Amino acid sequence: MLQKVAFALGLVVGFHSTCPSFAADLQQAGKVWRVGFLGNAPPTTPDTKRIRDAFRQELQERGYIEGRNLVFEPRFLEGKPEKAPGFAAELVRLRVDLIVTVSNPAAHAAKAATSTIPIVMLSSSDPVGVGLVASLARPGGNLTGISDYGLELTPKRLELLKAVLPRASRVAVTRCQKCTAVDDRTLELARQNYSAWAAIAQNLGMTLTYVDLSGPQDFTDATAEVLRARPNALFVGINPAGFALRKELADFAMRERIPMFAFAREQAALGALMSYGIDYADVFRKAAVQIDKIFKGAKPADLPIEQPTKFELVINLKTAKALGLTIPPALLLRADEVIQ
């Protein structure tokens, strides 16, 4: 299926890199685990810091404390997936003990860079379909991680959009062309997803217009294309750029009075009308558990790809009021969080 990214959404966790001399000092006191982190962007909001803190806390509870026996080597794509191969190669040269990847492009880059260093994938959509692992039960190779159901939730997001905007007929959807250009297999899966989404939208009486948004360099052209489409709503597709530019997209949507629907709580917190997706803090906690197992001797090939178990519907009532929209009471009752 289509690349995610994810968090994004390509999601984000930020760490402090430790200088070689300090790491060497720590090594004298015992084993210091070096973890490469190939993410999207450093945390800049309370919600993204919440994800980072959940990850760190889970690791700490298992005995891994940053600055004592744990060193992170963070590299961030900043909405530019083409940077992933270079960063992955750099982490391999640093001889890290494990690489955490956030997004399919990052996972593909890490897999291409090493067949021996364990890789824990996060925010990976359809890892079997895009050729990252052999199966969910037995991944094989040096990869394991947590899939995100990101793309499978798209029909539900479109239904929620229609529930809030029953008269909506035109929806602009952001997508990342570079994220799906990893190989022919991924590209074909992306095409299949776009066709499936279009059919679902048609059944709901809506037409989708796709707008390419791969990074900050595309923002001006992408928003201009959105305006030309004259949509009733903006649907932020699941990819790193959509998450990295969540504040800019939310501000644009509010300025142009276009209801924005997204895939992560962090987007709703910054002004999107609504988000529906997995709880990324829970996903990162699961990743910490897998890292602990690997450090204790488990092989990634034998660790099943896990599935998220917590999902969140977040409604920004402040945005709704600013746009003059009324959220159905039944939907408000279903929400996991309502931002006032």
C-alpha atoms as a PDB file:
ATOM      1  CA  MET A   1       0.000   0.000   0.000  1.00  0.00           C
ATOM      2  CA  LEU A   2       0.924   3.646  -0.208  1.00  0.00           C
ATOM      3  CA  GLN A   3       3.917   4.914   1.709  1.00  0.00           C
ATOM      4  CA  LYS A   4       3.043   6.572   4.817  1.00  0.00           C
ATOM      5  CA  VAL A   5       5.028   8.190   6.353  1.00  0.00           C
ATOM      6  CA  ALA A   6       3.577   9.213   8.682  1.00  0.00           C
ATOM      7  CA  PHE A   7       4.179  11.130  11.764  1.00  0.00           C
ATOM      8  CA  ALA A   8       3.821  11.173   9.270  1.00  0.00           C
ATOM      9  CA  LEU A   9       2.412  10.862   9.596  1.00  0.00           C
ATOM     10  CA  GLY A  10       6.178  10.393   9.836  1.00  0.00           C
ATOM     11  CA  LEU A  11       6.222  11.116  13.467  1.00  0.00           C
ATOM     12  CA  VAL A  12       8.979  12.832  15.443  1.00  0.00           C
ATOM     13  CA  VAL A  13      11.134  12.240  18.438  1.00  0.00           C
ATOM     14  CA  GLY A  14      14.155  14.385  19.234  1.00  0.00           C
ATOM     15  CA  PHE A  15      17.277  13.455  21.134  1.00  0.00           C
ATOM     16  CA  HIS A  16      20.579  14.919  22.167  1.00  0.00           C
ATOM     17  CA  SER A  17      23.594  13.567  20.342  1.00  0.00           C
ATOM     18  CA  THR A  18      26.550  12.697  22.524  1.00  0.00           C
ATOM     19  CA  CYS A  19      30.102  13.639  21.555  1.00  0.00           C
ATOM     20  CA  PRO A  20      32.563  10.768  20.940  1.00  0.00           C
ATOM     21  CA  SER A  21      34.742  11.614  23.960  1.00  0.00           C
ATOM     22  CA  PHE A  22      31.778  11.529  26.336  1.00  0.00           C
ATOM     23  CA  ALA A  23      30.562   8.270  24.817  1.00  0.00           C
ATOM     24  CA  ALA A  24      34.041   6.793  25.289  1.00  0.00           C
ATOM     25  CA  ASP A  25      34.028   7.785  28.961  1.00  0.00           C
ATOM     26  CA  LEU A  26      30.682   6.068  29.403  1.00  0.00           C
ATOM     27  CA  GLN A  27      31.954   2.924  27.700  1.00  0.00           C
ATOM     28  CA  GLN A  28      34.554   2.522  30.456  1.00  0.00           C
ATOM     29  CA  ALA A  29      31.782   2.134  33.014  1.00  0.00           C
ATOM     30  CA  GLY A  30      29.983  -0.592  31.017  1.00  0.00           C
ATOM     31  CA  LYS A  31      28.060  -1.177  27.828  1.00  0.00           C
ATOM     32  CA  VAL A  32      26.705   1.968  26.219  1.00  0.00           C
ATOM     33  CA  TRP A  33      24.073   1.333  23.587  1.00  0.00           C
ATOM     34  CA  ARG A  34      24.231   3.609  20.554  1.00  0.00           C
ATOM     35  CA  VAL A  35      20.898   4.036  18.783  1.00  0.00           C
ATOM     36  CA  GLY A  36      20.572   5.742  15.435  1.00  0.00           C
ATOM     37  CA  PHE A  37      17.284   7.597  15.003  1.00  0.00           C
ATOM     38  CA  LEU A  38      16.151   8.420  11.493  1.00  0.00           C
ATOM     39  CA  GLY A  39      13.104  10.609  12.032  1.00  0.00           C
ATOM     40  CA  ASN A  40      11.280  13.497  10.458  1.00  0.00           C
ATOM     41  CA  ALA A  41      11.894  16.529  12.686  1.00  0.00           C
ATOM     42  CA  PRO A  42      12.809  17.441  16.279  1.00  0.00           C
ATOM     43  CA  PRO A  43       9.885  17.889  18.677  1.00  0.00           C
ATOM     44  CA  THR A  44       8.702  21.480  18.872  1.00  0.00           C
ATOM     45  CA  THR A  45       5.267  21.227  20.491  1.00  0.00           C
ATOM     46  CA  PRO A  46       3.929  19.746  23.742  1.00  0.00           C
ATOM     47  CA  ASP A  47       2.277  16.942  21.779  1.00  0.00           C
ATOM     48  CA  THR A  48       5.422  15.870  19.955  1.00  0.00           C
ATOM     49  CA  LYS A  49       7.404  16.115  23.188  1.00  0.00           C
ATOM     50  CA  ARG A  50       4.764  13.861  24.762  1.00  0.00           C
ATOM     51  CA  ILE A  51       5.680  11.181  22.216  1.00  0.00           C
ATOM     52  CA  ARG A  52       9.392  11.596  22.867  1.00  0.00           C
ATOM     53  CA  ASP A  53       8.914  11.461  26.620  1.00  0.00           C
ATOM     54  CA  ALA A  54       6.792   8.301  26.414  1.00  0.00           C
ATOM     55  CA  PHE A  55       9.590   6.619  24.446  1.00  0.00           C
ATOM     56  CA  ARG A  56      12.286   7.724  26.853  1.00  0.00           C
ATOM     57  CA  GLN A  57      10.264   6.742  29.911  1.00  0.00           C
ATOM     58  CA  GLU A  58       9.634   3.230  28.613  1.00  0.00           C
ATOM     59  CA  LEU A  59      13.337   2.804  27.865  1.00  0.00           C
ATOM     60  CA  GLN A  60      14.279   4.169  31.279  1.00  0.00           C
ATOM     61  CA  GLU A  61      11.937   1.756  33.033  1.00  0.00           C
ATOM     62  CA  ARG A  62      13.830  -1.023  31.276  1.00  0.00           C
ATOM     63  CA  GLY A  63      17.190   0.273  32.429  1.00  0.00           C
ATOM     64  CA  TYR A  64      18.295   2.419  29.485  1.00  0.00           C
ATOM     65  CA  ILE A  65      19.088   5.971  30.528  1.00  0.00           C
ATOM     66  CA  GLU A  66      20.263   8.562  28.037  1.00  0.00           C
ATOM     67  CA  GLY A  67      23.640   9.955  29.066  1.00  0.00           C
ATOM     68  CA  ARG A  68      24.458   6.922  31.184  1.00  0.00           C
ATOM     69  CA  ASN A  69      24.185   3.743  29.130  1.00  0.00           C
ATOM     70  CA  LEU A  70      22.272   5.024  26.116  1.00  0.00           C
ATOM     71  CA  VAL A  71      23.386   7.393  23.365  1.00  0.00           C
ATOM     72  CA  PHE A  72      21.151   8.563  20.504  1.00  0.00           C
ATOM     73  CA  GLU A  73      22.431   9.592  17.097  1.00  0.00           C
ATOM     74  CA  PRO A  74      19.481  11.565  15.651  1.00  0.00           C
ATOM     75  CA  ARG A  75      19.094  12.447  11.990  1.00  0.00           C
ATOM     76  CA  PHE A  76      16.015  14.297  10.735  1.00  0.00           C
ATOM     77  CA  LEU A  77      14.648  14.432   7.193  1.00  0.00           C
ATOM     78  CA  GLU A  78      12.856  17.765   7.750  1.00  0.00           C
ATOM     79  CA  GLY A  79      10.260  16.900   5.118  1.00  0.00           C
ATOM     80  CA  LYS A  80      12.891  15.812   2.550  1.00  0.00           C
ATOM     81  CA  PRO A  81      12.730  12.007   2.132  1.00  0.00           C
ATOM     82  CA  GLU A  82      15.574  12.130  -0.400  1.00  0.00           C
ATOM     83  CA  LYS A  83      17.945  12.711   2.539  1.00  0.00           C
ATOM     84  CA  ALA A  84      17.204   9.280   3.999  1.00  0.00           C
ATOM     85  CA  PRO A  85      19.850   7.208   2.116  1.00  0.00           C
ATOM     86  CA  GLY A  86      22.680   9.548   3.082  1.00  0.00           C
ATOM     87  CA  PHE A  87      21.635   9.666   6.729  1.00  0.00           C
ATOM     88  CA  ALA A  88      21.222   5.890   6.873  1.00  0.00           C
ATOM     89  CA  ALA A  89      24.716   5.371   5.449  1.00  0.00           C
ATOM     90  CA  GLU A  90      26.082   7.815   8.018  1.00  0.00           C
ATOM     91  CA  LEU A  91      24.503   5.910  10.897  1.00  0.00           C
ATOM     92  CA  VAL A  92      25.993   2.659   9.592  1.00  0.00           C
ATOM     93  CA  ARG A  93      29.443   4.251   9.477  1.00  0.00           C
ATOM     94  CA  LEU A  94      28.988   5.287  13.119  1.00  0.00           C
ATOM     95  CA  ARG A  95      28.464   1.593  13.960  1.00  0.00           C
ATOM     96  CA  VAL A  96      25.314   2.158  15.953  1.00  0.00           C
ATOM     97  CA  ASP A  97      23.844  -0.875  17.717  1.00  0.00           C
ATOM     98  CA  LEU A  98      20.350  -0.326  16.339  1.00  0.00           C
ATOM     99  CA  ILE A  99      18.487   2.034  14.001  1.00  0.00           C
ATOM    100  CA  VAL A 100      14.985   3.353  14.631  1.00  0.00           C
ATOM    101  CA  THR A 101      13.194   4.598  11.506  1.00  0.00           C
ATOM    102  CA  VAL A 102      10.079   6.732  11.290  1.00  0.00           C
ATOM    103  CA  SER A 103       8.408   6.481   7.854  1.00  0.00           C
ATOM    104  CA  ASN A 104       8.696   4.043   4.973  1.00  0.00           C
ATOM    105  CA  PRO A 105      11.350   6.064   3.100  1.00  0.00           C
ATOM    106  CA  ALA A 106      13.547   5.969   6.193  1.00  0.00           C
ATOM    107  CA  ALA A 107      12.988   2.221   6.617  1.00  0.00           C
ATOM    108  CA  HIS A 108      13.823   1.520   2.964  1.00  0.00           C
ATOM    109  CA  ALA A 109      16.990   3.603   3.247  1.00  0.00           C
ATOM    110  CA  ALA A 110      18.116   1.813   6.411  1.00  0.00           C
ATOM    111  CA  LYS A 111      17.418  -1.605   4.902  1.00  0.00           C
ATOM    112  CA  ALA A 112      19.471  -0.711   1.840  1.00  0.00           C
ATOM    113  CA  ALA A 113      22.323   0.560   4.011  1.00  0.00           C
ATOM    114  CA  THR A 114      22.746  -2.483   6.274  1.00  0.00           C
ATOM    115  CA  SER A 115      21.736  -6.125   6.496  1.00  0.00           C
ATOM    116  CA  THR A 116      23.276  -6.671   9.938  1.00  0.00           C
ATOM    117  CA  ILE A 117      22.365  -3.744  12.209  1.00  0.00           C
ATOM    118  CA  PRO A 118      18.900  -4.311  13.750  1.00  0.00           C
ATOM    119  CA  ILE A 119      16.215  -1.915  12.490  1.00  0.00           C
ATOM    120  CA  VAL A 120      13.007  -1.081  14.373  1.00  0.00           C
ATOM    121  CA  MET A 121      10.488   0.526  12.013  1.00  0.00           C
ATOM    122  CA  LEU A 122       7.804   2.951  13.186  1.00  0.00           C
ATOM    123  CA  SER A 123       5.035   4.627  11.204  1.00  0.00           C
ATOM    124  CA  SER A 124       5.426   2.022   8.484  1.00  0.00           C
ATOM    125  CA  SER A 125       2.403   1.403   6.299  1.00  0.00           C
ATOM    126  CA  ASP A 126       1.981  -2.070   4.808  1.00  0.00           C
ATOM    127  CA  PRO A 127       5.593  -3.195   5.390  1.00  0.00           C
ATOM    128  CA  VAL A 128       4.904  -6.489   3.608  1.00  0.00           C
ATOM    129  CA  GLY A 129       3.286  -4.844   0.601  1.00  0.00           C
ATOM    130  CA  VAL A 130       6.148  -2.403   0.073  1.00  0.00           C
ATOM    131  CA  GLY A 131       8.760  -5.126   0.384  1.00  0.00           C
ATOM    132  CA  LEU A 132      10.321  -4.227   3.730  1.00  0.00           C
ATOM    133  CA  VAL A 133       9.630  -7.577   5.429  1.00  0.00           C
ATOM    134  CA  ALA A 134       8.640 -11.095   4.371  1.00  0.00           C
ATOM    135  CA  SER A 135       5.632 -11.315   6.685  1.00  0.00           C
ATOM    136  CA  LEU A 136       4.186  -9.705   9.781  1.00  0.00           C
ATOM    137  CA  ALA A 137       4.581 -12.873  11.858  1.00  0.00           C
ATOM    138  CA  ARG A 138       8.191 -13.566  10.841  1.00  0.00           C
ATOM    139  CA  PRO A 139       9.733 -10.457   9.268  1.00  0.00           C
ATOM    140  CA  GLY A 140      13.041 -12.113   8.355  1.00  0.00           C
ATOM    141  CA  GLY A 141      16.255 -10.185   7.829  1.00  0.00           C
ATOM    142  CA  ASN A 142      17.203  -7.439  10.279  1.00  0.00           C
ATOM    143  CA  LEU A 143      13.896  -5.522  10.459  1.00  0.00           C
ATOM    144  CA  THR A 144      10.979  -5.558  12.846  1.00  0.00           C
ATOM    145  CA  GLY A 145       8.778  -2.824  14.301  1.00  0.00           C
ATOM    146  CA  ILE A 146       5.240  -1.524  14.491  1.00  0.00           C
ATOM    147  CA  SER A 147       2.942  -0.976  11.539  1.00  0.00           C
ATOM    148  CA  ASP A 148       0.494   1.895  11.812  1.00  0.00           C
ATOM    149  CA  TYR A 149      -2.742   1.065   9.996  1.00  0.00           C
ATOM    150  CA  GLY A 150      -2.306   4.551   8.570  1.00  0.00           C
ATOM    151  CA  LEU A 151      -3.708   3.876   5.150  1.00  0.00           C
ATOM    152  CA  GLU A 152      -6.336   1.402   6.301  1.00  0.00           C
ATOM    153  CA  LEU A 153      -7.909   4.186   8.379  1.00  0.00           C
ATOM    154  CA  THR A 154      -8.380   6.495   5.392  1.00  0.00           C
ATOM    155  CA  PRO A 155     -11.945   5.305   4.598  1.00  0.00           C
ATOM    156  CA  LYS A 156     -12.946   6.047   8.185  1.00  0.00           C
ATOM    157  CA  ARG A 157     -11.407   9.524   7.947  1.00  0.00           C
ATOM    158  CA  LEU A 158     -13.373  10.269   4.794  1.00  0.00           C
ATOM    159  CA  GLU A 159     -16.574   9.114   6.517  1.00  0.00           C
ATOM    160  CA  LEU A 160     -15.856  11.416   9.455  1.00  0.00           C
ATOM    161  CA  LEU A 161     -15.264  14.288   7.040  1.00  0.00           C
ATOM    162  CA  LYS A 162     -18.647  13.657   5.433  1.00  0.00           C
ATOM    163  CA  ALA A 163     -20.342  13.479   8.835  1.00  0.00           C
ATOM    164  CA  VAL A 164     -19.082  16.970   9.668  1.00  0.00           C
ATOM    165  CA  LEU A 165     -19.521  18.390   6.155  1.00  0.00           C
ATOM    166  CA  PRO A 166     -22.495  16.518   4.648  1.00  0.00           C
ATOM    167  CA  ARG A 167     -22.584  18.844   1.622  1.00  0.00           C
ATOM    168  CA  ALA A 168     -18.881  18.544   0.824  1.00  0.00           C
ATOM    169  CA  SER A 169     -18.290  17.510  -2.772  1.00  0.00           C
ATOM    170  CA  ARG A 170     -14.694  18.583  -3.469  1.00  0.00           C
ATOM    171  CA  VAL A 171     -11.789  17.548  -1.243  1.00  0.00           C
ATOM    172  CA  ALA A 172      -8.127  18.427  -1.773  1.00  0.00           C
ATOM    173  CA  VAL A 173      -5.738  15.691  -0.600  1.00  0.00           C
ATOM    174  CA  THR A 174      -2.028  16.259  -0.005  1.00  0.00           C
ATOM    175  CA  ARG A 175       0.338  13.450  -0.979  1.00  0.00           C
ATOM    176  CA  CYS A 176       4.094  12.934  -1.224  1.00  0.00           C
ATOM    177  CA  GLN A 177       5.181  11.785  -4.681  1.00  0.00           C
ATOM    178  CA  LYS A 178       8.805  11.321  -3.595  1.00  0.00           C
ATOM    179  CA  CYS A 179       7.718   9.033  -0.778  1.00  0.00           C
ATOM    180  CA  THR A 180       6.120   6.598  -3.231  1.00  0.00           C
ATOM    181  CA  ALA A 181       8.954   6.673  -5.758  1.00  0.00           C
ATOM    182  CA  VAL A 182      11.155   4.283  -3.770  1.00  0.00           C
ATOM    183  CA  ASP A 183      10.610   1.457  -6.275  1.00  0.00           C
ATOM    184  CA  ASP A 184       8.076   0.185  -8.808  1.00  0.00           C
ATOM    185  CA  ARG A 185       6.359  -2.016  -6.247  1.00  0.00           C
ATOM    186  CA  THR A 186       5.711   0.865  -3.882  1.00  0.00           C
ATOM    187  CA  LEU A 187       4.590   3.107  -6.711  1.00  0.00           C
ATOM    188  CA  GLU A 188       2.057   0.537  -7.939  1.00  0.00           C
ATOM    189  CA  LEU A 189       0.681   0.083  -4.433  1.00  0.00           C
ATOM    190  CA  ALA A 190       0.300   3.854  -4.202  1.00  0.00           C
ATOM    191  CA  ARG A 191      -1.702   3.917  -7.419  1.00  0.00           C
ATOM    192  CA  GLN A 192      -3.958   1.177  -6.089  1.00  0.00           C
ATOM    193  CA  ASN A 193      -4.568   3.150  -2.924  1.00  0.00           C
ATOM    194  CA  TYR A 194      -5.408   6.335  -4.791  1.00  0.00           C
ATOM    195  CA  SER A 195      -7.931   4.428  -6.904  1.00  0.00           C
ATOM    196  CA  ALA A 196      -9.489   2.849  -3.819  1.00  0.00           C
ATOM    197  CA  TRP A 197      -9.767   6.186  -2.030  1.00  0.00           C
ATOM    198  CA  ALA A 198     -11.337   7.796  -5.092  1.00  0.00           C
ATOM    199  CA  ALA A 199     -13.968   5.057  -5.201  1.00  0.00           C
ATOM    200  CA  ILE A 200     -14.768   5.480  -1.504  1.00  0.00           C
ATOM    201  CA  ALA A 201     -15.039   9.238  -1.936  1.00  0.00           C
ATOM    202  CA  GLN A 202     -17.323   8.814  -4.929  1.00  0.00           C
ATOM    203  CA  ASN A 203     -19.662   6.625  -2.887  1.00  0.00           C
ATOM    204  CA  LEU A 204     -19.788   9.459  -0.367  1.00  0.00           C
ATOM    205  CA  GLY A 205     -20.569  11.994  -3.090  1.00  0.00           C
ATOM    206  CA  MET A 206     -17.090  13.547  -3.110  1.00  0.00           C
ATOM    207  CA  THR A 207     -14.328  14.054  -5.659  1.00  0.00           C
ATOM    208  CA  LEU A 208     -10.683  14.020  -4.579  1.00  0.00           C
ATOM    209  CA  THR A 209      -8.038  16.335  -6.035  1.00  0.00           C
ATOM    210  CA  TYR A 210      -4.464  15.277  -5.219  1.00  0.00           C
ATOM    211  CA  VAL A 211      -1.844  17.901  -4.440  1.00  0.00           C
ATOM    212  CA  ASP A 212       1.845  17.023  -4.179  1.00  0.00           C
ATOM    213  CA  LEU A 213       3.585  18.102  -0.971  1.00  0.00           C
ATOM    214  CA  SER A 214       6.989  16.512  -0.412  1.00  0.00           C
ATOM    215  CA  GLY A 215       8.530  19.200   1.799  1.00  0.00           C
ATOM    216  CA  PRO A 216       8.799  22.912   2.636  1.00  0.00           C
ATOM    217  CA  GLN A 217      10.040  23.661  -0.868  1.00  0.00           C
ATOM    218  CA  ASP A 218       6.634  22.617  -2.258  1.00  0.00           C
ATOM    219  CA  PHE A 219       4.451  24.493   0.210  1.00  0.00           C
ATOM    220  CA  THR A 220       3.742  27.626  -1.843  1.00  0.00           C
ATOM    221  CA  ASP A 221       2.929  25.720  -5.032  1.00  0.00           C
ATOM    222  CA  ALA A 222       0.870  23.133  -3.136  1.00  0.00           C
ATOM    223  CA  THR A 223      -1.291  25.669  -1.333  1.00  0.00           C
ATOM    224  CA  ALA A 224      -1.823  27.574  -4.594  1.00  0.00           C
ATOM    225  CA  GLU A 225      -3.011  24.332  -6.182  1.00  0.00           C
ATOM    226  CA  VAL A 226      -5.368  23.735  -3.273  1.00  0.00           C
ATOM    227  CA  LEU A 227      -6.935  27.136  -3.805  1.00  0.00           C
ATOM    228  CA  ARG A 228      -7.349  26.484  -7.538  1.00  0.00           C
ATOM    229  CA  ALA A 229      -9.280  23.319  -6.693  1.00  0.00           C
ATOM    230  CA  ARG A 230     -11.750  25.358  -4.591  1.00  0.00           C
ATOM    231  CA  PRO A 231     -12.266  22.476  -2.141  1.00  0.00           C
ATOM    232  CA  ASN A 232     -14.836  22.180   0.611  1.00  0.00           C
ATOM    233  CA  ALA A 233     -12.177  20.555   2.784  1.00  0.00           C
ATOM    234  CA  LEU A 234      -8.456  19.828   2.948  1.00  0.00           C
ATOM    235  CA  PHE A 235      -7.467  16.248   3.736  1.00  0.00           C
ATOM    236  CA  VAL A 236      -3.825  15.955   4.816  1.00  0.00           C
ATOM    237  CA  GLY A 237      -2.488  12.663   3.516  1.00  0.00           C
ATOM    238  CA  ILE A 238      -0.252  10.492   5.658  1.00  0.00           C
ATOM    239  CA  ASN A 239       3.337  11.391   4.893  1.00  0.00           C
ATOM    240  CA  PRO A 240       6.240  13.085   6.683  1.00  0.00           C
ATOM    241  CA  ALA A 241       5.736  16.438   4.955  1.00  0.00           C
ATOM    242  CA  GLY A 242       2.105  16.605   6.007  1.00  0.00           C
ATOM    243  CA  PHE A 243       3.183  16.161   9.600  1.00  0.00           C
ATOM    244  CA  ALA A 244       6.291  18.347   9.500  1.00  0.00           C
ATOM    245  CA  LEU A 245       4.261  21.210   8.001  1.00  0.00           C
ATOM    246  CA  ARG A 246       1.257  20.717  10.276  1.00  0.00           C
ATOM    247  CA  LYS A 247       1.380  24.256  11.691  1.00  0.00           C
ATOM    248  CA  GLU A 248       1.822  25.880   8.281  1.00  0.00           C
ATOM    249  CA  LEU A 249      -1.002  23.801   6.796  1.00  0.00           C
ATOM    250  CA  ALA A 250      -3.330  24.522   9.717  1.00  0.00           C
ATOM    251  CA  ASP A 251      -2.623  28.257   9.503  1.00  0.00           C
ATOM    252  CA  PHE A 252      -3.211  28.216   5.741  1.00  0.00           C
ATOM    253  CA  ALA A 253      -6.471  26.311   6.114  1.00  0.00           C
ATOM    254  CA  MET A 254      -7.732  28.665   8.808  1.00  0.00           C
ATOM    255  CA  ARG A 255      -6.735  31.752   6.828  1.00  0.00           C
ATOM    256  CA  GLU A 256      -8.574  30.464   3.760  1.00  0.00           C
ATOM    257  CA  ARG A 257     -11.446  29.102   5.875  1.00  0.00           C
ATOM    258  CA  ILE A 258     -11.001  25.532   4.615  1.00  0.00           C
ATOM    259  CA  PRO A 259     -11.791  22.796   7.162  1.00  0.00           C
ATOM    260  CA  MET A 260      -8.677  20.635   7.559  1.00  0.00           C
ATOM    261  CA  PHE A 261      -8.827  16.933   8.413  1.00  0.00           C
ATOM    262  CA  ALA A 262      -5.675  15.098   9.527  1.00  0.00           C
ATOM    263  CA  PHE A 263      -4.288  11.834  10.844  1.00  0.00           C
ATOM    264  CA  ALA A 264      -2.603  12.737  14.149  1.00  0.00           C
ATOM    265  CA  ARG A 265      -3.504  14.414  17.424  1.00  0.00           C
ATOM    266  CA  GLU A 266      -0.500  16.715  16.972  1.00  0.00           C
ATOM    267  CA  GLN A 267      -2.137  18.242  13.895  1.00  0.00           C
ATOM    268  CA  ALA A 268      -5.460  18.896  15.604  1.00  0.00           C
ATOM    269  CA  ALA A 269      -3.600  20.491  18.513  1.00  0.00           C
ATOM    270  CA  LEU A 270      -2.197  23.082  16.104  1.00  0.00           C
ATOM    271  CA  GLY A 271      -5.479  23.967  14.439  1.00  0.00           C
ATOM    272  CA  ALA A 272      -6.736  21.154  12.207  1.00  0.00           C
ATOM    273  CA  LEU A 273     -10.489  20.725  12.593  1.00  0.00           C
ATOM    274  CA  MET A 274     -10.246  17.020  13.302  1.00  0.00           C
ATOM    275  CA  SER A 275      -7.797  14.136  13.424  1.00  0.00           C
ATOM    276  CA  TYR A 276      -8.299  10.408  13.556  1.00  0.00           C
ATOM    277  CA  GLY A 277      -5.475   7.937  13.866  1.00  0.00           C
ATOM    278  CA  ILE A 278      -3.287   5.868  16.122  1.00  0.00           C
ATOM    279  CA  ASP A 279      -1.879   6.978  19.459  1.00  0.00           C
ATOM    280  CA  TYR A 280       1.762   7.522  18.477  1.00  0.00           C
ATOM    281  CA  ALA A 281       2.945   7.733  22.074  1.00  0.00           C
ATOM    282  CA  ASP A 282       1.723   4.162  22.530  1.00  0.00           C
ATOM    283  CA  VAL A 283       3.502   3.106  19.321  1.00  0.00           C
ATOM    284  CA  PHE A 284       6.789   4.527  20.580  1.00  0.00           C
ATOM    285  CA  ARG A 285       6.356   2.737  23.895  1.00  0.00           C
ATOM    286  CA  LYS A 286       5.937  -0.530  21.972  1.00  0.00           C
ATOM    287  CA  ALA A 287       9.117   0.298  20.060  1.00  0.00           C
ATOM    288  CA  ALA A 288      11.031   0.689  23.319  1.00  0.00           C
ATOM    289  CA  VAL A 289       9.909  -2.797  24.340  1.00  0.00           C
ATOM    290  CA  GLN A 290      11.181  -4.226  21.060  1.00  0.00           C
ATOM    291  CA  ILE A 291      14.511  -2.430  21.448  1.00  0.00           C
ATOM    292  CA  ASP A 292      14.911  -3.939  24.908  1.00  0.00           C
ATOM    293  CA  LYS A 293      14.259  -7.431  23.529  1.00  0.00           C
ATOM    294  CA  ILE A 294      16.848  -6.957  20.795  1.00  0.00           C
ATOM    295  CA  PHE A 295      19.450  -5.626  23.203  1.00  0.00           C
ATOM    296  CA  LYS A 296      18.841  -8.727  25.334  1.00  0.00           C
ATOM    297  CA  GLY A 297      19.546 -11.037  22.404  1.00  0.00           C
ATOM    298  CA  ALA A 298      16.350 -11.382  20.367  1.00  0.00           C
ATOM    299  CA  LYS A 299      16.707 -11.359  16.590  1.00  0.00           C
ATOM    300  CA  PRO A 300      14.553  -8.867  14.633  1.00  0.00           C
ATOM    301  CA  ALA A 301      13.743 -11.640  12.159  1.00  0.00           C
ATOM    302  CA  ASP A 302      11.922 -13.513  14.937  1.00  0.00           C
ATOM    303  CA  LEU A 303      10.041 -10.550  16.428  1.00  0.00           C
ATOM    304  CA  PRO A 304       6.596 -10.153  14.816  1.00  0.00           C
ATOM    305  CA  ILE A 305       5.606  -6.798  13.375  1.00  0.00           C
ATOM    306  CA  GLU A 306       3.198  -5.418  15.961  1.00  0.00           C
ATOM    307  CA  GLN A 307      -0.042  -3.571  15.283  1.00  0.00           C
ATOM    308  CA  PRO A 308      -1.274  -0.447  17.083  1.00  0.00           C
ATOM    309  CA  THR A 309      -4.038  -0.988  19.598  1.00  0.00           C
ATOM    310  CA  LYS A 310      -4.975   2.572  20.586  1.00  0.00           C
ATOM    311  CA  PHE A 311      -6.772   4.984  18.249  1.00  0.00           C
ATOM    312  CA  GLU A 312      -7.760   8.596  18.836  1.00  0.00           C
ATOM    313  CA  LEU A 313     -10.452  10.905  17.531  1.00  0.00           C
ATOM    314  CA  VAL A 314      -9.584  14.510  18.355  1.00  0.00           C
ATOM    315  CA  ILE A 315     -11.874  17.439  17.522  1.00  0.00           C
ATOM    316  CA  ASN A 316     -10.745  21.042  17.681  1.00  0.00           C
ATOM    317  CA  LEU A 317     -13.913  22.832  18.766  1.00  0.00           C
ATOM    318  CA  LYS A 318     -12.104  26.173  18.749  1.00  0.00           C
ATOM    319  CA  THR A 319     -11.391  25.739  15.035  1.00  0.00           C
ATOM    320  CA  ALA A 320     -14.954  24.614  14.386  1.00  0.00           C
ATOM    321  CA  LYS A 321     -16.347  27.750  16.007  1.00  0.00           C
ATOM    322  CA  ALA A 322     -13.933  29.967  14.071  1.00  0.00           C
ATOM    323  CA  LEU A 323     -15.141  28.370  10.820  1.00  0.00           C
ATOM    324  CA  GLY A 324     -18.793  28.594  11.824  1.00  0.00           C
ATOM    325  CA  LEU A 325     -19.213  24.816  11.841  1.00  0.00           C
ATOM    326  CA  THR A 326     -21.390  22.751  14.131  1.00  0.00           C
ATOM    327  CA  ILE A 327     -19.988  19.368  15.102  1.00  0.00           C
ATOM    328  CA  PRO A 328     -22.700  16.699  15.462  1.00  0.00           C
ATOM    329  CA  PRO A 329     -23.279  16.004  19.178  1.00  0.00           C
ATOM    330  CA  ALA A 330     -22.939  12.253  18.619  1.00  0.00           C
ATOM    331  CA  LEU A 331     -19.481  12.808  17.147  1.00  0.00           C
ATOM    332  CA  LEU A 332     -18.431  14.970  20.088  1.00  0.00           C
ATOM    333  CA  LEU A 333     -19.466  12.182  22.454  1.00  0.00           C
ATOM    334  CA  ARG A 334     -17.295   9.731  20.508  1.00  0.00           C
ATOM    335  CA  ALA A 335     -14.223  11.984  20.604  1.00  0.00           C
ATOM    336  CA  ASP A 336     -11.276  10.983  22.766  1.00  0.00           C
ATOM    337  CA  GLU A 337     -10.407  14.640  23.160  1.00  0.00           C
ATOM    338  CA  VAL A 338     -12.208  17.904  22.412  1.00  0.00           C
ATOM    339  CA  ILE A 339      -9.978  20.947  22.183  1.00  0.00           C
ATOM    340  CA  GLN A 340     -11.791  24.000  23.517  1.00  0.00           C
END
